[in-house]
Amino acid sequence: MTMNCPQCGSDRVKHRSVARTTGTIVGAMGGGLRGAAAAGALIGSAGGPVGAAIGSIGGALLGALAGGKAGAITGHAVGSAVDSAVLGNRECMNCGHTFSQ
């Protein structure tokens, strides 16, 4: 379905995804930090001094990856909902007007 700009009538309209992009980035960073802290502390506390050092680093890396992925998925979903319900998620490439569907 072709969208037309309500201001100038142009059909040169692109989809904007500001909240989705922001949500994905913030979710990945927050989830990664949370996962790194939780997994690093949990795994690192179980193996003595050497095991604690190695386990903390390995656990933090694995936790960061898992937490980052979960956070990115959640942030993407929330951002998509905000884009479609709240923000003007279309932009006219002719006049620059932003509007909702």
PDB file of N, CA and C in Angstrom:
ATOM      1  N   MET A   1       0.842  -1.177   0.000  1.00  0.00           N
ATOM      2  CA  MET A   1       0.000   0.000   0.000  1.00  0.00           C
ATOM      3  C   MET A   1       0.890   1.244   0.000  1.00  0.00           C
ATOM      4  N   THR A   2       0.631   2.140  -0.910  1.00  0.00           N
ATOM      5  CA  THR A   2       1.400   3.365  -1.024  1.00  0.00           C
ATOM      6  C   THR A   2       0.825   4.425  -0.090  1.00  0.00           C
ATOM      7  N   MET A   3       1.713   5.022   0.663  1.00  0.00           N
ATOM      8  CA  MET A   3       1.309   6.110   1.559  1.00  0.00           C
ATOM      9  C   MET A   3       1.602   7.436   0.856  1.00  0.00           C
ATOM     10  N   ASN A   4       0.728   8.388   1.019  1.00  0.00           N
ATOM     11  CA  ASN A   4       0.950   9.731   0.496  1.00  0.00           C
ATOM     12  C   ASN A   4       1.088  10.697   1.660  1.00  0.00           C
ATOM     13  N   CYS A   5       1.927  11.677   1.484  1.00  0.00           N
ATOM     14  CA  CYS A   5       2.126  12.705   2.508  1.00  0.00           C
ATOM     15  C   CYS A   5       0.849  13.541   2.640  1.00  0.00           C
ATOM     16  N   PRO A   6       0.353  13.708   3.860  1.00  0.00           N
ATOM     17  CA  PRO A   6      -0.867  14.519   4.027  1.00  0.00           C
ATOM     18  C   PRO A   6      -0.627  16.007   3.797  1.00  0.00           C
ATOM     19  N   GLN A   7       0.636  16.436   3.814  1.00  0.00           N
ATOM     20  CA  GLN A   7       0.922  17.863   3.647  1.00  0.00           C
ATOM     21  C   GLN A   7       1.096  18.243   2.177  1.00  0.00           C
ATOM     22  N   CYS A   8       1.899  17.447   1.437  1.00  0.00           N
ATOM     23  CA  CYS A   8       2.178  17.828   0.050  1.00  0.00           C
ATOM     24  C   CYS A   8       1.643  16.827  -0.972  1.00  0.00           C
ATOM     25  N   GLY A   9       1.185  15.650  -0.526  1.00  0.00           N
ATOM     26  CA  GLY A   9       0.609  14.661  -1.427  1.00  0.00           C
ATOM     27  C   GLY A   9       1.621  13.762  -2.117  1.00  0.00           C
ATOM     28  N   SER A  10       2.893  13.929  -1.821  1.00  0.00           N
ATOM     29  CA  SER A  10       3.929  13.115  -2.459  1.00  0.00           C
ATOM     30  C   SER A  10       3.823  11.655  -2.028  1.00  0.00           C
ATOM     31  N   ASP A  11       4.203  10.757  -2.940  1.00  0.00           N
ATOM     32  CA  ASP A  11       4.232   9.340  -2.587  1.00  0.00           C
ATOM     33  C   ASP A  11       5.637   8.882  -2.196  1.00  0.00           C
ATOM     34  N   ARG A  12       6.565   9.805  -2.096  1.00  0.00           N
ATOM     35  CA  ARG A  12       7.932   9.498  -1.670  1.00  0.00           C
ATOM     36  C   ARG A  12       7.987   9.543  -0.136  1.00  0.00           C
ATOM     37  N   VAL A  13       7.493   8.486   0.492  1.00  0.00           N
ATOM     38  CA  VAL A  13       7.378   8.408   1.944  1.00  0.00           C
ATOM     39  C   VAL A  13       8.201   7.233   2.429  1.00  0.00           C
ATOM     40  N   LYS A  14       9.008   7.456   3.473  1.00  0.00           N
ATOM     41  CA  LYS A  14       9.799   6.362   4.038  1.00  0.00           C
ATOM     42  C   LYS A  14       9.364   6.079   5.472  1.00  0.00           C
ATOM     43  N   HIS A  15       9.615   4.862   5.883  1.00  0.00           N
ATOM     44  CA  HIS A  15       9.288   4.425   7.242  1.00  0.00           C
ATOM     45  C   HIS A  15      10.431   4.810   8.178  1.00  0.00           C
ATOM     46  N   ARG A  16      10.091   5.427   9.296  1.00  0.00           N
ATOM     47  CA  ARG A  16      11.091   5.760  10.322  1.00  0.00           C
ATOM     48  C   ARG A  16      10.937   4.777  11.468  1.00  0.00           C
ATOM     49  N   SER A  17      12.030   4.435  12.098  1.00  0.00           N
ATOM     50  CA  SER A  17      11.977   3.485  13.218  1.00  0.00           C
ATOM     51  C   SER A  17      12.862   3.978  14.356  1.00  0.00           C
ATOM     52  N   VAL A  18      12.610   5.175  14.799  1.00  0.00           N
ATOM     53  CA  VAL A  18      13.427   5.815  15.829  1.00  0.00           C
ATOM     54  C   VAL A  18      13.341   5.064  17.159  1.00  0.00           C
ATOM     55  N   ALA A  19      12.138   4.791  17.624  1.00  0.00           N
ATOM     56  CA  ALA A  19      11.972   4.120  18.921  1.00  0.00           C
ATOM     57  C   ALA A  19      12.464   2.675  18.862  1.00  0.00           C
ATOM     58  N   ARG A  20      12.234   1.993  17.743  1.00  0.00           N
ATOM     59  CA  ARG A  20      12.675   0.606  17.616  1.00  0.00           C
ATOM     60  C   ARG A  20      14.201   0.520  17.673  1.00  0.00           C
ATOM     61  N   THR A  21      14.874   1.402  16.958  1.00  0.00           N
ATOM     62  CA  THR A  21      16.335   1.406  16.963  1.00  0.00           C
ATOM     63  C   THR A  21      16.878   1.755  18.348  1.00  0.00           C
ATOM     64  N   THR A  22      16.320   2.784  18.951  1.00  0.00           N
ATOM     65  CA  THR A  22      16.750   3.200  20.287  1.00  0.00           C
ATOM     66  C   THR A  22      16.485   2.112  21.318  1.00  0.00           C
ATOM     67  N   GLY A  23      15.307   1.511  21.260  1.00  0.00           N
ATOM     68  CA  GLY A  23      14.967   0.441  22.190  1.00  0.00           C
ATOM     69  C   GLY A  23      15.878  -0.759  22.061  1.00  0.00           C
ATOM     70  N   THR A  24      16.233  -1.113  20.839  1.00  0.00           N
ATOM     71  CA  THR A  24      17.127  -2.243  20.613  1.00  0.00           C
ATOM     72  C   THR A  24      18.511  -1.967  21.191  1.00  0.00           C
ATOM     73  N   ILE A  25      19.038  -0.784  20.961  1.00  0.00           N
ATOM     74  CA  ILE A  25      20.373  -0.436  21.455  1.00  0.00           C
ATOM     75  C   ILE A  25      20.391  -0.362  22.976  1.00  0.00           C
ATOM     76  N   VAL A  26      19.438   0.331  23.547  1.00  0.00           N
ATOM     77  CA  VAL A  26      19.385   0.474  25.007  1.00  0.00           C
ATOM     78  C   VAL A  26      19.134  -0.880  25.674  1.00  0.00           C
ATOM     79  N   GLY A  27      18.250  -1.679  25.097  1.00  0.00           N
ATOM     80  CA  GLY A  27      17.970  -3.006  25.641  1.00  0.00           C
ATOM     81  C   GLY A  27      19.182  -3.917  25.596  1.00  0.00           C
ATOM     82  N   ALA A  28      19.916  -3.884  24.488  1.00  0.00           N
ATOM     83  CA  ALA A  28      21.116  -4.717  24.357  1.00  0.00           C
ATOM     84  C   ALA A  28      22.184  -4.295  25.360  1.00  0.00           C
ATOM     85  N   MET A  29      22.372  -3.007  25.520  1.00  0.00           N
ATOM     86  CA  MET A  29      23.387  -2.527  26.468  1.00  0.00           C
ATOM     87  C   MET A  29      22.987  -2.855  27.904  1.00  0.00           C
ATOM     88  N   GLY A  30      21.751  -2.567  28.259  1.00  0.00           N
ATOM     89  CA  GLY A  30      21.290  -2.844  29.618  1.00  0.00           C
ATOM     90  C   GLY A  30      21.284  -4.326  29.935  1.00  0.00           C
ATOM     91  N   GLY A  31      20.783  -5.127  29.007  1.00  0.00           N
ATOM     92  CA  GLY A  31      20.761  -6.573  29.206  1.00  0.00           C
ATOM     93  C   GLY A  31      22.157  -7.163  29.273  1.00  0.00           C
ATOM     94  N   GLY A  32      23.055  -6.646  28.459  1.00  0.00           N
ATOM     95  CA  GLY A  32      24.437  -7.119  28.481  1.00  0.00           C
ATOM     96  C   GLY A  32      25.139  -6.805  29.787  1.00  0.00           C
ATOM     97  N   LEU A  33      24.960  -5.609  30.278  1.00  0.00           N
ATOM     98  CA  LEU A  33      25.575  -5.235  31.558  1.00  0.00           C
ATOM     99  C   LEU A  33      24.999  -6.036  32.711  1.00  0.00           C
ATOM    100  N   ARG A  34      23.689  -6.193  32.701  1.00  0.00           N
ATOM    101  CA  ARG A  34      23.029  -6.958  33.769  1.00  0.00           C
ATOM    102  C   ARG A  34      23.445  -8.430  33.718  1.00  0.00           C
ATOM    103  N   GLY A  35      23.485  -8.995  32.525  1.00  0.00           N
ATOM    104  CA  GLY A  35      23.886 -10.389  32.366  1.00  0.00           C
ATOM    105  C   GLY A  35      25.333 -10.618  32.755  1.00  0.00           C
ATOM    106  N   ALA A  36      26.202  -9.690  32.408  1.00  0.00           N
ATOM    107  CA  ALA A  36      27.620  -9.814  32.753  1.00  0.00           C
ATOM    108  C   ALA A  36      27.819  -9.770  34.262  1.00  0.00           C
ATOM    109  N   ALA A  37      27.149  -8.864  34.913  1.00  0.00           N
ATOM    110  CA  ALA A  37      27.296  -8.733  36.358  1.00  0.00           C
ATOM    111  C   ALA A  37      26.753  -9.964  37.081  1.00  0.00           C
ATOM    112  N   ALA A  38      25.596 -10.431  36.686  1.00  0.00           N
ATOM    113  CA  ALA A  38      24.963 -11.561  37.370  1.00  0.00           C
ATOM    114  C   ALA A  38      25.721 -12.855  37.130  1.00  0.00           C
ATOM    115  N   ALA A  39      26.050 -13.167  35.888  1.00  0.00           N
ATOM    116  CA  ALA A  39      26.713 -14.430  35.574  1.00  0.00           C
ATOM    117  C   ALA A  39      28.161 -14.429  36.057  1.00  0.00           C
ATOM    118  N   GLY A  40      28.851 -13.322  35.950  1.00  0.00           N
ATOM    119  CA  GLY A  40      30.235 -13.246  36.410  1.00  0.00           C
ATOM    120  C   GLY A  40      30.346 -13.475  37.907  1.00  0.00           C
ATOM    121  N   ALA A  41      29.459 -12.894  38.658  1.00  0.00           N
ATOM    122  CA  ALA A  41      29.476 -13.060  40.110  1.00  0.00           C
ATOM    123  C   ALA A  41      29.097 -14.481  40.498  1.00  0.00           C
ATOM    124  N   LEU A  42      28.138 -15.073  39.825  1.00  0.00           N
ATOM    125  CA  LEU A  42      27.661 -16.406  40.157  1.00  0.00           C
ATOM    126  C   LEU A  42      28.710 -17.473  39.831  1.00  0.00           C
ATOM    127  N   ILE A  43      29.233 -17.448  38.627  1.00  0.00           N
ATOM    128  CA  ILE A  43      30.203 -18.466  38.216  1.00  0.00           C
ATOM    129  C   ILE A  43      31.543 -18.254  38.903  1.00  0.00           C
ATOM    130  N   GLY A  44      31.964 -17.030  39.049  1.00  0.00           N
ATOM    131  CA  GLY A  44      33.270 -16.737  39.634  1.00  0.00           C
ATOM    132  C   GLY A  44      33.386 -17.070  41.101  1.00  0.00           C
ATOM    133  N   SER A  45      32.302 -17.162  41.815  1.00  0.00           N
ATOM    134  CA  SER A  45      32.373 -17.402  43.253  1.00  0.00           C
ATOM    135  C   SER A  45      32.559 -18.872  43.597  1.00  0.00           C
ATOM    136  N   ALA A  46      32.562 -19.766  42.610  1.00  0.00           N
ATOM    137  CA  ALA A  46      32.537 -21.197  42.904  1.00  0.00           C
ATOM    138  C   ALA A  46      33.878 -21.908  42.772  1.00  0.00           C
ATOM    139  N   GLY A  47      34.973 -21.246  42.381  1.00  0.00           N
ATOM    140  CA  GLY A  47      36.167 -22.017  42.063  1.00  0.00           C
ATOM    141  C   GLY A  47      37.461 -21.612  42.735  1.00  0.00           C
ATOM    142  N   GLY A  48      37.461 -21.021  43.863  1.00  0.00           N
ATOM    143  CA  GLY A  48      38.709 -20.609  44.496  1.00  0.00           C
ATOM    144  C   GLY A  48      39.290 -19.390  43.815  1.00  0.00           C
ATOM    145  N   PRO A  49      40.521 -18.966  44.194  1.00  0.00           N
ATOM    146  CA  PRO A  49      41.090 -17.726  43.650  1.00  0.00           C
ATOM    147  C   PRO A  49      41.324 -17.750  42.141  1.00  0.00           C
ATOM    148  N   VAL A  50      41.944 -18.824  41.641  1.00  0.00           N
ATOM    149  CA  VAL A  50      42.212 -18.895  40.197  1.00  0.00           C
ATOM    150  C   VAL A  50      40.905 -19.108  39.441  1.00  0.00           C
ATOM    151  N   GLY A  51      40.095 -20.020  39.937  1.00  0.00           N
ATOM    152  CA  GLY A  51      38.802 -20.275  39.305  1.00  0.00           C
ATOM    153  C   GLY A  51      37.908 -19.051  39.338  1.00  0.00           C
ATOM    154  N   ALA A  52      38.027 -18.272  40.409  1.00  0.00           N
ATOM    155  CA  ALA A  52      37.219 -17.063  40.515  1.00  0.00           C
ATOM    156  C   ALA A  52      37.599 -16.062  39.433  1.00  0.00           C
ATOM    157  N   ALA A  53      38.886 -15.914  39.195  1.00  0.00           N
ATOM    158  CA  ALA A  53      39.343 -14.966  38.176  1.00  0.00           C
ATOM    159  C   ALA A  53      38.915 -15.406  36.780  1.00  0.00           C
ATOM    160  N   ILE A  54      39.174 -16.670  36.450  1.00  0.00           N
ATOM    161  CA  ILE A  54      38.837 -17.183  35.119  1.00  0.00           C
ATOM    162  C   ILE A  54      37.319 -17.294  34.957  1.00  0.00           C
ATOM    163  N   GLY A  55      36.673 -17.821  35.980  1.00  0.00           N
ATOM    164  CA  GLY A  55      35.222 -17.984  35.911  1.00  0.00           C
ATOM    165  C   GLY A  55      34.489 -16.665  35.825  1.00  0.00           C
ATOM    166  N   SER A  56      34.997 -15.666  36.508  1.00  0.00           N
ATOM    167  CA  SER A  56      34.343 -14.354  36.463  1.00  0.00           C
ATOM    168  C   SER A  56      34.385 -13.765  35.060  1.00  0.00           C
ATOM    169  N   ILE A  57      35.548 -13.879  34.421  1.00  0.00           N
ATOM    170  CA  ILE A  57      35.688 -13.324  33.068  1.00  0.00           C
ATOM    171  C   ILE A  57      34.832 -14.106  32.078  1.00  0.00           C
ATOM    172  N   GLY A  58      34.936 -15.440  32.124  1.00  0.00           N
ATOM    173  CA  GLY A  58      34.145 -16.258  31.208  1.00  0.00           C
ATOM    174  C   GLY A  58      32.657 -16.114  31.444  1.00  0.00           C
ATOM    175  N   GLY A  59      32.284 -16.130  32.703  1.00  0.00           N
ATOM    176  CA  GLY A  59      30.865 -15.976  33.032  1.00  0.00           C
ATOM    177  C   GLY A  59      30.331 -14.623  32.633  1.00  0.00           C
ATOM    178  N   ALA A  60      31.151 -13.599  32.816  1.00  0.00           N
ATOM    179  CA  ALA A  60      30.722 -12.252  32.437  1.00  0.00           C
ATOM    180  C   ALA A  60      30.509 -12.155  30.932  1.00  0.00           C
ATOM    181  N   LEU A  61      31.397 -12.764  30.159  1.00  0.00           N
ATOM    182  CA  LEU A  61      31.246 -12.721  28.699  1.00  0.00           C
ATOM    183  C   LEU A  61      29.990 -13.466  28.245  1.00  0.00           C
ATOM    184  N   LEU A  62      29.797 -14.665  28.777  1.00  0.00           N
ATOM    185  CA  LEU A  62      28.604 -15.429  28.401  1.00  0.00           C
ATOM    186  C   LEU A  62      27.326 -14.739  28.875  1.00  0.00           C
ATOM    187  N   GLY A  63      27.370 -14.215  30.070  1.00  0.00           N
ATOM    188  CA  GLY A  63      26.210 -13.495  30.594  1.00  0.00           C
ATOM    189  C   GLY A  63      25.896 -12.244  29.787  1.00  0.00           C
ATOM    190  N   ALA A  64      26.958 -11.552  29.357  1.00  0.00           N
ATOM    191  CA  ALA A  64      26.757 -10.346  28.551  1.00  0.00           C
ATOM    192  C   ALA A  64      26.112 -10.684  27.217  1.00  0.00           C
ATOM    193  N   LEU A  65      26.549 -11.775  26.593  1.00  0.00           N
ATOM    194  CA  LEU A  65      25.954 -12.173  25.317  1.00  0.00           C
ATOM    195  C   LEU A  65      24.488 -12.555  25.468  1.00  0.00           C
ATOM    196  N   ALA A  66      24.207 -13.387  26.456  1.00  0.00           N
ATOM    197  CA  ALA A  66      22.827 -13.825  26.663  1.00  0.00           C
ATOM    198  C   ALA A  66      21.923 -12.658  27.080  1.00  0.00           C
ATOM    199  N   GLY A  67      22.407 -11.850  28.019  1.00  0.00           N
ATOM    200  CA  GLY A  67      21.624 -10.705  28.478  1.00  0.00           C
ATOM    201  C   GLY A  67      21.433  -9.666  27.392  1.00  0.00           C
ATOM    202  N   GLY A  68      22.474  -9.452  26.594  1.00  0.00           N
ATOM    203  CA  GLY A  68      22.380  -8.488  25.498  1.00  0.00           C
ATOM    204  C   GLY A  68      21.361  -8.906  24.459  1.00  0.00           C
ATOM    205  N   LYS A  69      21.335 -10.200  24.138  1.00  0.00           N
ATOM    206  CA  LYS A  69      20.366 -10.688  23.156  1.00  0.00           C
ATOM    207  C   LYS A  69      18.940 -10.540  23.681  1.00  0.00           C
ATOM    208  N   ALA A  70      18.724 -10.940  24.923  1.00  0.00           N
ATOM    209  CA  ALA A  70      17.386 -10.830  25.511  1.00  0.00           C
ATOM    210  C   ALA A  70      16.947  -9.364  25.591  1.00  0.00           C
ATOM    211  N   GLY A  71      17.865  -8.498  25.995  1.00  0.00           N
ATOM    212  CA  GLY A  71      17.542  -7.075  26.078  1.00  0.00           C
ATOM    213  C   GLY A  71      17.244  -6.464  24.725  1.00  0.00           C
ATOM    214  N   ALA A  72      17.996  -6.870  23.697  1.00  0.00           N
ATOM    215  CA  ALA A  72      17.766  -6.343  22.353  1.00  0.00           C
ATOM    216  C   ALA A  72      16.407  -6.774  21.814  1.00  0.00           C
ATOM    217  N   ILE A  73      16.036  -8.031  22.062  1.00  0.00           N
ATOM    218  CA  ILE A  73      14.736  -8.522  21.599  1.00  0.00           C
ATOM    219  C   ILE A  73      13.601  -7.760  22.283  1.00  0.00           C
ATOM    220  N   THR A  74      13.734  -7.579  23.586  1.00  0.00           N
ATOM    221  CA  THR A  74      12.711  -6.855  24.332  1.00  0.00           C
ATOM    222  C   THR A  74      12.632  -5.396  23.893  1.00  0.00           C
ATOM    223  N   GLY A  75      13.785  -4.749  23.771  1.00  0.00           N
ATOM    224  CA  GLY A  75      13.819  -3.352  23.340  1.00  0.00           C
ATOM    225  C   GLY A  75      13.255  -3.156  21.948  1.00  0.00           C
ATOM    226  N   HIS A  76      13.521  -4.110  21.063  1.00  0.00           N
ATOM    227  CA  HIS A  76      12.992  -4.051  19.701  1.00  0.00           C
ATOM    228  C   HIS A  76      11.460  -4.110  19.715  1.00  0.00           C
ATOM    229  N   ALA A  77      10.913  -5.021  20.515  1.00  0.00           N
ATOM    230  CA  ALA A  77       9.454  -5.172  20.588  1.00  0.00           C
ATOM    231  C   ALA A  77       8.791  -3.924  21.174  1.00  0.00           C
ATOM    232  N   VAL A  78       9.357  -3.419  22.254  1.00  0.00           N
ATOM    233  CA  VAL A  78       8.788  -2.223  22.888  1.00  0.00           C
ATOM    234  C   VAL A  78       8.908  -1.020  21.952  1.00  0.00           C
ATOM    235  N   GLY A  79      10.068  -0.864  21.323  1.00  0.00           N
ATOM    236  CA  GLY A  79      10.273   0.247  20.399  1.00  0.00           C
ATOM    237  C   GLY A  79       9.343   0.203  19.206  1.00  0.00           C
ATOM    238  N   SER A  80       9.086  -0.996  18.679  1.00  0.00           N
ATOM    239  CA  SER A  80       8.158  -1.131  17.555  1.00  0.00           C
ATOM    240  C   SER A  80       6.754  -0.706  17.951  1.00  0.00           C
ATOM    241  N   ALA A  81       6.343  -1.080  19.160  1.00  0.00           N
ATOM    242  CA  ALA A  81       5.024  -0.683  19.641  1.00  0.00           C
ATOM    243  C   ALA A  81       4.930   0.832  19.799  1.00  0.00           C
ATOM    244  N   VAL A  82       5.985   1.444  20.317  1.00  0.00           N
ATOM    245  CA  VAL A  82       5.989   2.907  20.481  1.00  0.00           C
ATOM    246  C   VAL A  82       5.972   3.594  19.121  1.00  0.00           C
ATOM    247  N   ASP A  83       6.748   3.059  18.170  1.00  0.00           N
ATOM    248  CA  ASP A  83       6.752   3.643  16.827  1.00  0.00           C
ATOM    249  C   ASP A  83       5.370   3.645  16.199  1.00  0.00           C
ATOM    250  N   SER A  84       4.681   2.531  16.295  1.00  0.00           N
ATOM    251  CA  SER A  84       3.389   2.444  15.613  1.00  0.00           C
ATOM    252  C   SER A  84       2.264   3.150  16.368  1.00  0.00           C
ATOM    253  N   ALA A  85       2.366   3.269  17.688  1.00  0.00           N
ATOM    254  CA  ALA A  85       1.260   3.845  18.460  1.00  0.00           C
ATOM    255  C   ALA A  85       1.444   5.308  18.831  1.00  0.00           C
ATOM    256  N   VAL A  86       2.676   5.747  19.008  1.00  0.00           N
ATOM    257  CA  VAL A  86       2.894   7.084  19.570  1.00  0.00           C
ATOM    258  C   VAL A  86       3.561   8.045  18.592  1.00  0.00           C
ATOM    259  N   LEU A  87       4.668   7.621  18.036  1.00  0.00           N
ATOM    260  CA  LEU A  87       5.472   8.535  17.228  1.00  0.00           C
ATOM    261  C   LEU A  87       4.981   8.617  15.788  1.00  0.00           C
ATOM    262  N   GLY A  88       5.327   9.712  15.149  1.00  0.00           N
ATOM    263  CA  GLY A  88       5.100   9.816  13.711  1.00  0.00           C
ATOM    264  C   GLY A  88       6.120   8.932  13.022  1.00  0.00           C
ATOM    265  N   ASN A  89       5.671   7.802  12.498  1.00  0.00           N
ATOM    266  CA  ASN A  89       6.628   6.834  12.000  1.00  0.00           C
ATOM    267  C   ASN A  89       6.785   6.852  10.483  1.00  0.00           C
ATOM    268  N   ARG A  90       6.321   7.876   9.836  1.00  0.00           N
ATOM    269  CA  ARG A  90       6.513   8.060   8.396  1.00  0.00           C
ATOM    270  C   ARG A  90       7.106   9.445   8.163  1.00  0.00           C
ATOM    271  N   GLU A  91       7.948   9.546   7.140  1.00  0.00           N
ATOM    272  CA  GLU A  91       8.544  10.838   6.803  1.00  0.00           C
ATOM    273  C   GLU A  91       8.492  11.031   5.297  1.00  0.00           C
ATOM    274  N   CYS A  92       8.022  12.184   4.888  1.00  0.00           N
ATOM    275  CA  CYS A  92       7.976  12.534   3.473  1.00  0.00           C
ATOM    276  C   CYS A  92       9.372  12.941   3.026  1.00  0.00           C
ATOM    277  N   MET A  93       9.851  12.310   1.974  1.00  0.00           N
ATOM    278  CA  MET A  93      11.185  12.637   1.473  1.00  0.00           C
ATOM    279  C   MET A  93      11.148  13.869   0.581  1.00  0.00           C
ATOM    280  N   ASN A  94       9.953  14.362   0.276  1.00  0.00           N
ATOM    281  CA  ASN A  94       9.812  15.547  -0.548  1.00  0.00           C
ATOM    282  C   ASN A  94       9.819  16.820   0.302  1.00  0.00           C
ATOM    283  N   CYS A  95       8.981  16.857   1.359  1.00  0.00           N
ATOM    284  CA  CYS A  95       8.874  18.077   2.162  1.00  0.00           C
ATOM    285  C   CYS A  95       9.393  17.924   3.591  1.00  0.00           C
ATOM    286  N   GLY A  96       9.710  16.688   4.032  1.00  0.00           N
ATOM    287  CA  GLY A  96      10.257  16.470   5.373  1.00  0.00           C
ATOM    288  C   GLY A  96       9.227  16.331   6.458  1.00  0.00           C
ATOM    289  N   HIS A  97       7.956  16.356   6.131  1.00  0.00           N
ATOM    290  CA  HIS A  97       6.878  16.240   7.120  1.00  0.00           C
ATOM    291  C   HIS A  97       6.857  14.836   7.703  1.00  0.00           C
ATOM    292  N   THR A  98       6.721  14.728   9.043  1.00  0.00           N
ATOM    293  CA  THR A  98       6.589  13.430   9.695  1.00  0.00           C
ATOM    294  C   THR A  98       5.150  13.250  10.154  1.00  0.00           C
ATOM    295  N   PHE A  99       4.661  12.027  10.028  1.00  0.00           N
ATOM    296  CA  PHE A  99       3.268  11.747  10.359  1.00  0.00           C
ATOM    297  C   PHE A  99       3.101  10.274  10.669  1.00  0.00           C
ATOM    298  N   SER A 100       1.961   9.935  11.268  1.00  0.00           N
ATOM    299  CA  SER A 100       1.616   8.550  11.565  1.00  0.00           C
ATOM    300  C   SER A 100       0.837   7.967  10.405  1.00  0.00           C
ATOM    301  N   GLN A 101       0.685   6.648  10.436  1.00  0.00           N
ATOM    302  CA  GLN A 101      -0.072   5.978   9.388  1.00  0.00           C
ATOM    303  C   GLN A 101      -1.477   6.474   9.432  1.00  0.00           C
TER     304      GLN A 101
END
